[in-house]
């Protein structure tokens, strides 16, 4: 019964124009990319990042760290795109399977 009341309240709030969070908003990606990744050549080798890069995420801001300790600041520009500057200097597309295809020719999968 409590679940039914909760659904009714949500439907009522939406009907009254309450904003529904959009999956496309970059802020909804918070902490979903943080962790250790496995870089796979696709087709280019993992020169910058090495085999096990990591990502730390705070809101839309990312810090990418290569296996050798090199770092690059990046930004979630949408729920599915990343712009990384500095020494990495690449654009990434977050795929539905949560892997990242990078413009440097590599693909990262979360470990």
C-alpha atoms as a PDB file:
ATOM      1  CA  UNK A   1       0.000   0.000   0.000  1.00  0.00           C
ATOM      2  CA  UNK A   2       2.874   2.405   0.823  1.00  0.00           C
ATOM      3  CA  UNK A   3       4.383   1.804  -2.626  1.00  0.00           C
ATOM      4  CA  UNK A   4       1.043   2.619  -4.234  1.00  0.00           C
ATOM      5  CA  UNK A   5       0.832   5.895  -2.293  1.00  0.00           C
ATOM      6  CA  UNK A   6       4.396   6.757  -3.360  1.00  0.00           C
ATOM      7  CA  UNK A   7       3.541   6.174  -7.020  1.00  0.00           C
ATOM      8  CA  UNK A   8       0.407   8.273  -6.711  1.00  0.00           C
ATOM      9  CA  UNK A   9       2.405  11.125  -5.132  1.00  0.00           C
ATOM     10  CA  UNK A  10       5.040  10.936  -7.896  1.00  0.00           C
ATOM     11  CA  UNK A  11       2.385  10.962 -10.612  1.00  0.00           C
ATOM     12  CA  UNK A  12       0.684  13.912  -8.919  1.00  0.00           C
ATOM     13  CA  UNK A  13       3.971  15.858  -8.708  1.00  0.00           C
ATOM     14  CA  UNK A  14       4.714  15.201 -12.389  1.00  0.00           C
ATOM     15  CA  UNK A  15       1.206  16.255 -13.354  1.00  0.00           C
ATOM     16  CA  UNK A  16       1.755  19.524 -11.480  1.00  0.00           C
ATOM     17  CA  UNK A  17       4.895  20.236 -13.507  1.00  0.00           C
ATOM     18  CA  UNK A  18       7.598  19.044 -11.126  1.00  0.00           C
ATOM     19  CA  UNK A  19      10.881  18.594 -12.955  1.00  0.00           C
ATOM     20  CA  UNK A  20      11.822  15.017 -13.656  1.00  0.00           C
ATOM     21  CA  UNK A  21      15.588  14.395 -13.724  1.00  0.00           C
ATOM     22  CA  UNK A  22      16.807  13.630 -17.214  1.00  0.00           C
ATOM     23  CA  UNK A  23      19.231  10.806 -17.893  1.00  0.00           C
ATOM     24  CA  UNK A  24      20.867  13.120 -20.437  1.00  0.00           C
ATOM     25  CA  UNK A  25      21.980  15.614 -17.788  1.00  0.00           C
ATOM     26  CA  UNK A  26      25.718  15.225 -17.125  1.00  0.00           C
ATOM     27  CA  UNK A  27      25.190  15.615 -13.362  1.00  0.00           C
ATOM     28  CA  UNK A  28      23.325  12.299 -13.350  1.00  0.00           C
ATOM     29  CA  UNK A  29      26.610  10.564 -14.246  1.00  0.00           C
ATOM     30  CA  UNK A  30      28.141  11.447 -10.871  1.00  0.00           C
ATOM     31  CA  UNK A  31      30.569   8.756  -9.673  1.00  0.00           C
ATOM     32  CA  UNK A  32      29.545   6.284 -12.364  1.00  0.00           C
ATOM     33  CA  UNK A  33      32.911   6.555 -14.152  1.00  0.00           C
ATOM     34  CA  UNK A  34      35.143   6.481 -11.062  1.00  0.00           C
ATOM     35  CA  UNK A  35      37.332   3.440 -10.758  1.00  0.00           C
ATOM     36  CA  UNK A  36      40.038   1.421 -12.467  1.00  0.00           C
ATOM     37  CA  UNK A  37      39.742   0.679 -16.153  1.00  0.00           C
ATOM     38  CA  UNK A  38      41.314  -1.756 -18.593  1.00  0.00           C
ATOM     39  CA  UNK A  39      42.659  -0.117 -21.746  1.00  0.00           C
ATOM     40  CA  UNK A  40      42.328  -2.249 -24.858  1.00  0.00           C
ATOM     41  CA  UNK A  41      43.980  -1.380 -28.154  1.00  0.00           C
ATOM     42  CA  UNK A  42      41.190  -0.605 -30.637  1.00  0.00           C
ATOM     43  CA  UNK A  43      43.137  -0.407 -33.036  1.00  0.00           C
ATOM     44  CA  UNK A  44      45.831   1.840 -31.512  1.00  0.00           C
ATOM     45  CA  UNK A  45      48.007   0.800 -28.519  1.00  0.00           C
ATOM     46  CA  UNK A  46      47.441   2.186 -25.014  1.00  0.00           C
ATOM     47  CA  UNK A  47      50.469   4.487 -25.103  1.00  0.00           C
ATOM     48  CA  UNK A  48      49.281   7.330 -22.863  1.00  0.00           C
ATOM     49  CA  UNK A  49      47.167   5.476 -20.348  1.00  0.00           C
ATOM     50  CA  UNK A  50      48.939   2.138 -20.091  1.00  0.00           C
ATOM     51  CA  UNK A  51      46.955  -1.021 -19.377  1.00  0.00           C
ATOM     52  CA  UNK A  52      45.186   0.130 -16.168  1.00  0.00           C
ATOM     53  CA  UNK A  53      44.174   3.796 -16.135  1.00  0.00           C
ATOM     54  CA  UNK A  54      41.871   5.174 -13.457  1.00  0.00           C
ATOM     55  CA  UNK A  55      39.209   7.859 -13.342  1.00  0.00           C
ATOM     56  CA  UNK A  56      38.169   9.948 -10.349  1.00  0.00           C
ATOM     57  CA  UNK A  57      34.894  11.824 -10.772  1.00  0.00           C
ATOM     58  CA  UNK A  58      33.366  14.714  -8.845  1.00  0.00           C
ATOM     59  CA  UNK A  59      30.148  15.853 -10.511  1.00  0.00           C
ATOM     60  CA  UNK A  60      31.009  16.518 -14.155  1.00  0.00           C
ATOM     61  CA  UNK A  61      34.744  16.965 -13.467  1.00  0.00           C
ATOM     62  CA  UNK A  62      37.029  13.991 -14.091  1.00  0.00           C
ATOM     63  CA  UNK A  63      40.670  13.345 -13.413  1.00  0.00           C
ATOM     64  CA  UNK A  64      42.215  10.620 -15.511  1.00  0.00           C
ATOM     65  CA  UNK A  65      45.394   8.960 -14.324  1.00  0.00           C
ATOM     66  CA  UNK A  66      47.512   6.752 -16.557  1.00  0.00           C
ATOM     67  CA  UNK A  67      49.225   3.633 -15.294  1.00  0.00           C
ATOM     68  CA  UNK A  68      52.540   5.539 -15.312  1.00  0.00           C
ATOM     69  CA  UNK A  69      51.108   8.311 -13.100  1.00  0.00           C
ATOM     70  CA  UNK A  70      50.461  10.910 -15.827  1.00  0.00           C
ATOM     71  CA  UNK A  71      47.254  12.852 -15.181  1.00  0.00           C
ATOM     72  CA  UNK A  72      44.764  14.761 -17.318  1.00  0.00           C
ATOM     73  CA  UNK A  73      41.724  16.807 -16.354  1.00  0.00           C
ATOM     74  CA  UNK A  74      38.524  16.032 -18.218  1.00  0.00           C
ATOM     75  CA  UNK A  75      34.866  17.045 -18.212  1.00  0.00           C
ATOM     76  CA  UNK A  76      31.625  15.205 -18.858  1.00  0.00           C
ATOM     77  CA  UNK A  77      30.172  17.358 -21.642  1.00  0.00           C
ATOM     78  CA  UNK A  78      26.970  15.284 -21.712  1.00  0.00           C
ATOM     79  CA  UNK A  79      25.789  12.003 -20.233  1.00  0.00           C
ATOM     80  CA  UNK A  80      27.677  10.145 -22.977  1.00  0.00           C
ATOM     81  CA  UNK A  81      30.614  12.368 -23.951  1.00  0.00           C
ATOM     82  CA  UNK A  82      33.919  13.247 -22.307  1.00  0.00           C
ATOM     83  CA  UNK A  83      36.423  15.931 -23.247  1.00  0.00           C
ATOM     84  CA  UNK A  84      39.916  15.317 -21.853  1.00  0.00           C
ATOM     85  CA  UNK A  85      42.674  17.891 -22.109  1.00  0.00           C
ATOM     86  CA  UNK A  86      46.260  18.107 -21.022  1.00  0.00           C
ATOM     87  CA  UNK A  87      48.576  15.285 -21.939  1.00  0.00           C
ATOM     88  CA  UNK A  88      45.705  12.910 -22.855  1.00  0.00           C
ATOM     89  CA  UNK A  89      43.934  15.333 -25.223  1.00  0.00           C
ATOM     90  CA  UNK A  90      41.126  13.016 -26.379  1.00  0.00           C
ATOM     91  CA  UNK A  91      37.369  12.856 -26.680  1.00  0.00           C
ATOM     92  CA  UNK A  92      35.469   9.875 -25.304  1.00  0.00           C
ATOM     93  CA  UNK A  93      32.077   8.344 -25.946  1.00  0.00           C
ATOM     94  CA  UNK A  94      30.513   6.384 -23.078  1.00  0.00           C
ATOM     95  CA  UNK A  95      28.779   3.381 -24.634  1.00  0.00           C
ATOM     96  CA  UNK A  96      25.611   1.680 -23.272  1.00  0.00           C
ATOM     97  CA  UNK A  97      27.790  -1.178 -21.936  1.00  0.00           C
ATOM     98  CA  UNK A  98      29.655   1.524 -19.883  1.00  0.00           C
ATOM     99  CA  UNK A  99      32.858   1.157 -21.933  1.00  0.00           C
ATOM    100  CA  UNK A 100      34.539   4.288 -23.312  1.00  0.00           C
ATOM    101  CA  UNK A 101      35.664   4.649 -26.924  1.00  0.00           C
ATOM    102  CA  UNK A 102      38.417   7.279 -27.102  1.00  0.00           C
ATOM    103  CA  UNK A 103      39.437   9.385 -30.087  1.00  0.00           C
ATOM    104  CA  UNK A 104      43.028   8.160 -29.600  1.00  0.00           C
ATOM    105  CA  UNK A 105      41.913   4.753 -30.924  1.00  0.00           C
ATOM    106  CA  UNK A 106      41.616   2.920 -27.598  1.00  0.00           C
ATOM    107  CA  UNK A 107      38.665   1.431 -25.749  1.00  0.00           C
ATOM    108  CA  UNK A 108      38.405   1.302 -21.952  1.00  0.00           C
ATOM    109  CA  UNK A 109      36.306  -1.188 -20.009  1.00  0.00           C
ATOM    110  CA  UNK A 110      35.760  -0.926 -16.279  1.00  0.00           C
ATOM    111  CA  UNK A 111      37.557  -3.571 -14.220  1.00  0.00           C
END
